[in-house]
Amino acid sequence: INRNLSGIAGFRLGIGADGRVDSCSITRSTGHSELDTATCALLTRRARFEPARDGAGNTTAGTFASSVEWRIPD
């Protein structure tokens, strides 16, 4: 906030069979390495998913892609 950084970070997460994030990559940079790094750090620590399932109903690894907007509150 003090540095007035903002931007949209695109990301792709690798999701383990347990529903936890096991990898994160930035697919669209905010232009600020601090925000890109924070995006993956926060998602890896906090995000949880219902595990994907294969044709037999067994849990399996999967992926999730989206973006997050970092902006200074009004």
N, C-alpha and C. Protein backbone atom coordinates (compact mmCIF):
# COMPACT_ATOMS: atom_id res chain seq x y z
N ILE A 1 0.83 -1.19 0.00
CA ILE A 1 0.00 0.00 0.00
C ILE A 1 0.87 1.25 0.00
N ASN A 2 1.94 1.23 0.80
CA ASN A 2 2.81 2.40 0.88
C ASN A 2 3.45 2.74 -0.46
N ARG A 3 3.70 1.74 -1.29
CA ARG A 3 4.35 1.97 -2.58
C ARG A 3 3.34 2.17 -3.70
N ASN A 4 2.04 2.10 -3.38
CA ASN A 4 0.97 2.35 -4.34
C ASN A 4 1.02 1.39 -5.53
N LEU A 5 1.34 0.12 -5.27
CA LEU A 5 1.42 -0.88 -6.33
C LEU A 5 0.04 -1.46 -6.62
N SER A 6 -0.22 -1.72 -7.88
CA SER A 6 -1.47 -2.35 -8.26
C SER A 6 -1.25 -3.11 -9.57
N GLY A 7 -2.20 -3.94 -9.92
CA GLY A 7 -2.12 -4.68 -11.17
C GLY A 7 -2.92 -5.96 -11.08
N ILE A 8 -3.00 -6.66 -12.20
CA ILE A 8 -3.71 -7.94 -12.27
C ILE A 8 -2.69 -9.03 -12.51
N ALA A 9 -2.69 -10.03 -11.63
CA ALA A 9 -1.79 -11.18 -11.74
C ALA A 9 -2.59 -12.38 -12.22
N GLY A 10 -2.21 -12.94 -13.37
CA GLY A 10 -2.77 -14.20 -13.83
C GLY A 10 -1.93 -15.32 -13.25
N PHE A 11 -2.57 -16.43 -12.88
CA PHE A 11 -1.83 -17.53 -12.26
C PHE A 11 -2.41 -18.87 -12.67
N ARG A 12 -1.58 -19.89 -12.54
CA ARG A 12 -2.00 -21.28 -12.73
C ARG A 12 -1.51 -22.06 -11.51
N LEU A 13 -2.43 -22.79 -10.89
CA LEU A 13 -2.10 -23.59 -9.72
C LEU A 13 -2.11 -25.07 -10.07
N GLY A 14 -1.16 -25.79 -9.52
CA GLY A 14 -1.20 -27.25 -9.55
C GLY A 14 -1.85 -27.70 -8.25
N ILE A 15 -2.87 -28.53 -8.36
CA ILE A 15 -3.62 -28.98 -7.19
C ILE A 15 -3.34 -30.47 -6.99
N GLY A 16 -2.88 -30.81 -5.80
CA GLY A 16 -2.60 -32.21 -5.49
C GLY A 16 -3.88 -32.99 -5.25
N ALA A 17 -3.75 -34.29 -5.18
CA ALA A 17 -4.89 -35.18 -4.95
C ALA A 17 -5.55 -34.93 -3.59
N ASP A 18 -4.85 -34.21 -2.70
CA ASP A 18 -5.42 -33.88 -1.39
C ASP A 18 -6.15 -32.53 -1.40
N GLY A 19 -6.19 -31.84 -2.56
CA GLY A 19 -6.88 -30.57 -2.66
C GLY A 19 -6.05 -29.36 -2.30
N ARG A 20 -4.78 -29.59 -1.96
CA ARG A 20 -3.90 -28.49 -1.61
C ARG A 20 -3.07 -28.06 -2.81
N VAL A 21 -2.73 -26.78 -2.83
CA VAL A 21 -1.90 -26.24 -3.91
C VAL A 21 -0.49 -26.77 -3.75
N ASP A 22 0.06 -27.37 -4.82
CA ASP A 22 1.44 -27.86 -4.75
C ASP A 22 2.38 -27.11 -5.70
N SER A 23 1.82 -26.24 -6.56
CA SER A 23 2.66 -25.39 -7.39
C SER A 23 1.87 -24.17 -7.84
N CYS A 24 2.59 -23.11 -8.15
CA CYS A 24 1.96 -21.88 -8.61
C CYS A 24 2.90 -21.22 -9.61
N SER A 25 2.34 -20.78 -10.73
CA SER A 25 3.13 -20.01 -11.68
C SER A 25 2.32 -18.79 -12.12
N ILE A 26 3.01 -17.71 -12.35
CA ILE A 26 2.39 -16.48 -12.81
C ILE A 26 2.32 -16.53 -14.33
N THR A 27 1.11 -16.38 -14.88
CA THR A 27 0.91 -16.42 -16.33
C THR A 27 0.74 -15.04 -16.92
N ARG A 28 0.47 -14.07 -16.06
CA ARG A 28 0.36 -12.66 -16.47
C ARG A 28 0.87 -11.82 -15.31
N SER A 29 1.96 -11.13 -15.51
CA SER A 29 2.58 -10.34 -14.45
C SER A 29 1.85 -9.03 -14.21
N THR A 30 1.87 -8.60 -12.97
CA THR A 30 1.35 -7.28 -12.61
C THR A 30 2.31 -6.18 -13.03
N GLY A 31 3.55 -6.58 -13.32
CA GLY A 31 4.60 -5.62 -13.58
C GLY A 31 5.38 -5.29 -12.33
N HIS A 32 4.99 -5.93 -11.21
CA HIS A 32 5.66 -5.71 -9.93
C HIS A 32 5.98 -7.07 -9.33
N SER A 33 7.24 -7.39 -9.24
CA SER A 33 7.62 -8.72 -8.74
C SER A 33 7.09 -8.98 -7.33
N GLU A 34 6.97 -7.93 -6.52
CA GLU A 34 6.45 -8.10 -5.16
C GLU A 34 5.01 -8.62 -5.17
N LEU A 35 4.18 -8.09 -6.06
CA LEU A 35 2.79 -8.53 -6.13
C LEU A 35 2.69 -9.93 -6.73
N ASP A 36 3.50 -10.22 -7.73
CA ASP A 36 3.50 -11.55 -8.33
C ASP A 36 3.90 -12.60 -7.30
N THR A 37 4.95 -12.31 -6.54
CA THR A 37 5.40 -13.22 -5.49
C THR A 37 4.35 -13.39 -4.41
N ALA A 38 3.71 -12.29 -4.01
CA ALA A 38 2.67 -12.35 -2.97
C ALA A 38 1.47 -13.17 -3.45
N THR A 39 1.13 -13.07 -4.73
CA THR A 39 0.01 -13.84 -5.28
C THR A 39 0.23 -15.33 -5.05
N CYS A 40 1.38 -15.83 -5.47
CA CYS A 40 1.65 -17.27 -5.30
C CYS A 40 1.80 -17.65 -3.83
N ALA A 41 2.43 -16.80 -3.05
CA ALA A 41 2.61 -17.12 -1.63
C ALA A 41 1.27 -17.25 -0.92
N LEU A 42 0.38 -16.30 -1.15
CA LEU A 42 -0.93 -16.34 -0.49
C LEU A 42 -1.79 -17.50 -0.98
N LEU A 43 -1.81 -17.73 -2.28
CA LEU A 43 -2.62 -18.83 -2.81
C LEU A 43 -2.10 -20.18 -2.36
N THR A 44 -0.80 -20.35 -2.35
CA THR A 44 -0.22 -21.62 -1.91
C THR A 44 -0.56 -21.88 -0.44
N ARG A 45 -0.54 -20.85 0.37
CA ARG A 45 -0.81 -21.00 1.80
C ARG A 45 -2.29 -21.15 2.11
N ARG A 46 -3.16 -20.45 1.39
CA ARG A 46 -4.57 -20.38 1.81
C ARG A 46 -5.56 -21.16 0.97
N ALA A 47 -5.32 -21.35 -0.30
CA ALA A 47 -6.31 -21.96 -1.18
C ALA A 47 -6.46 -23.46 -0.92
N ARG A 48 -7.68 -23.92 -0.92
CA ARG A 48 -8.00 -25.34 -0.79
C ARG A 48 -9.07 -25.67 -1.81
N PHE A 49 -9.00 -26.86 -2.37
CA PHE A 49 -9.93 -27.27 -3.42
C PHE A 49 -10.48 -28.65 -3.12
N GLU A 50 -11.64 -28.91 -3.66
CA GLU A 50 -12.17 -30.27 -3.69
C GLU A 50 -11.32 -30.99 -4.73
N PRO A 51 -10.67 -32.09 -4.38
CA PRO A 51 -9.80 -32.76 -5.34
C PRO A 51 -10.54 -33.21 -6.60
N ALA A 52 -9.84 -33.17 -7.72
CA ALA A 52 -10.39 -33.71 -8.97
C ALA A 52 -10.52 -35.22 -8.83
N ARG A 53 -11.37 -35.80 -9.65
CA ARG A 53 -11.56 -37.25 -9.62
C ARG A 53 -11.42 -37.82 -11.02
N ASP A 54 -10.82 -39.01 -11.07
CA ASP A 54 -10.68 -39.67 -12.37
C ASP A 54 -11.95 -40.44 -12.68
N GLY A 55 -11.95 -41.15 -13.78
CA GLY A 55 -13.12 -41.89 -14.21
C GLY A 55 -13.61 -42.95 -13.23
N ALA A 56 -12.70 -43.44 -12.39
CA ALA A 56 -13.06 -44.44 -11.40
C ALA A 56 -13.47 -43.82 -10.07
N GLY A 57 -13.44 -42.49 -10.00
CA GLY A 57 -13.84 -41.81 -8.76
C GLY A 57 -12.71 -41.59 -7.78
N ASN A 58 -11.49 -41.95 -8.15
CA ASN A 58 -10.35 -41.75 -7.27
C ASN A 58 -9.86 -40.30 -7.37
N THR A 59 -9.41 -39.76 -6.24
CA THR A 59 -8.88 -38.40 -6.29
C THR A 59 -7.60 -38.37 -7.11
N THR A 60 -7.41 -37.25 -7.80
CA THR A 60 -6.25 -37.10 -8.68
C THR A 60 -5.83 -35.65 -8.69
N ALA A 61 -4.64 -35.39 -9.17
CA ALA A 61 -4.14 -34.02 -9.28
C ALA A 61 -4.86 -33.28 -10.40
N GLY A 62 -4.89 -31.96 -10.29
CA GLY A 62 -5.53 -31.15 -11.32
C GLY A 62 -4.89 -29.77 -11.37
N THR A 63 -5.48 -28.89 -12.14
CA THR A 63 -4.99 -27.51 -12.24
C THR A 63 -6.16 -26.54 -12.13
N PHE A 64 -5.82 -25.30 -11.81
CA PHE A 64 -6.80 -24.22 -11.74
C PHE A 64 -6.09 -22.96 -12.20
N ALA A 65 -6.74 -22.20 -13.07
CA ALA A 65 -6.16 -20.95 -13.55
C ALA A 65 -7.17 -19.82 -13.37
N SER A 66 -6.66 -18.66 -12.98
CA SER A 66 -7.51 -17.49 -12.81
C SER A 66 -6.62 -16.26 -12.70
N SER A 67 -7.17 -15.20 -12.15
CA SER A 67 -6.39 -13.98 -11.93
C SER A 67 -6.89 -13.30 -10.68
N VAL A 68 -6.06 -12.42 -10.15
CA VAL A 68 -6.41 -11.63 -8.98
C VAL A 68 -6.00 -10.19 -9.25
N GLU A 69 -6.86 -9.27 -8.85
CA GLU A 69 -6.56 -7.85 -9.02
C GLU A 69 -6.08 -7.27 -7.70
N TRP A 70 -4.92 -6.70 -7.74
CA TRP A 70 -4.36 -5.99 -6.60
C TRP A 70 -4.63 -4.51 -6.81
N ARG A 71 -5.34 -3.89 -5.87
CA ARG A 71 -5.58 -2.45 -6.02
C ARG A 71 -5.65 -1.80 -4.64
N ILE A 72 -5.37 -0.51 -4.63
CA ILE A 72 -5.44 0.26 -3.42
C ILE A 72 -6.91 0.58 -3.15
N PRO A 73 -7.40 0.32 -1.92
CA PRO A 73 -8.81 0.62 -1.63
C PRO A 73 -9.09 2.12 -1.79
N ASP A 74 -10.31 2.40 -2.20
CA ASP A 74 -10.73 3.80 -2.34
C ASP A 74 -10.93 4.46 -0.99
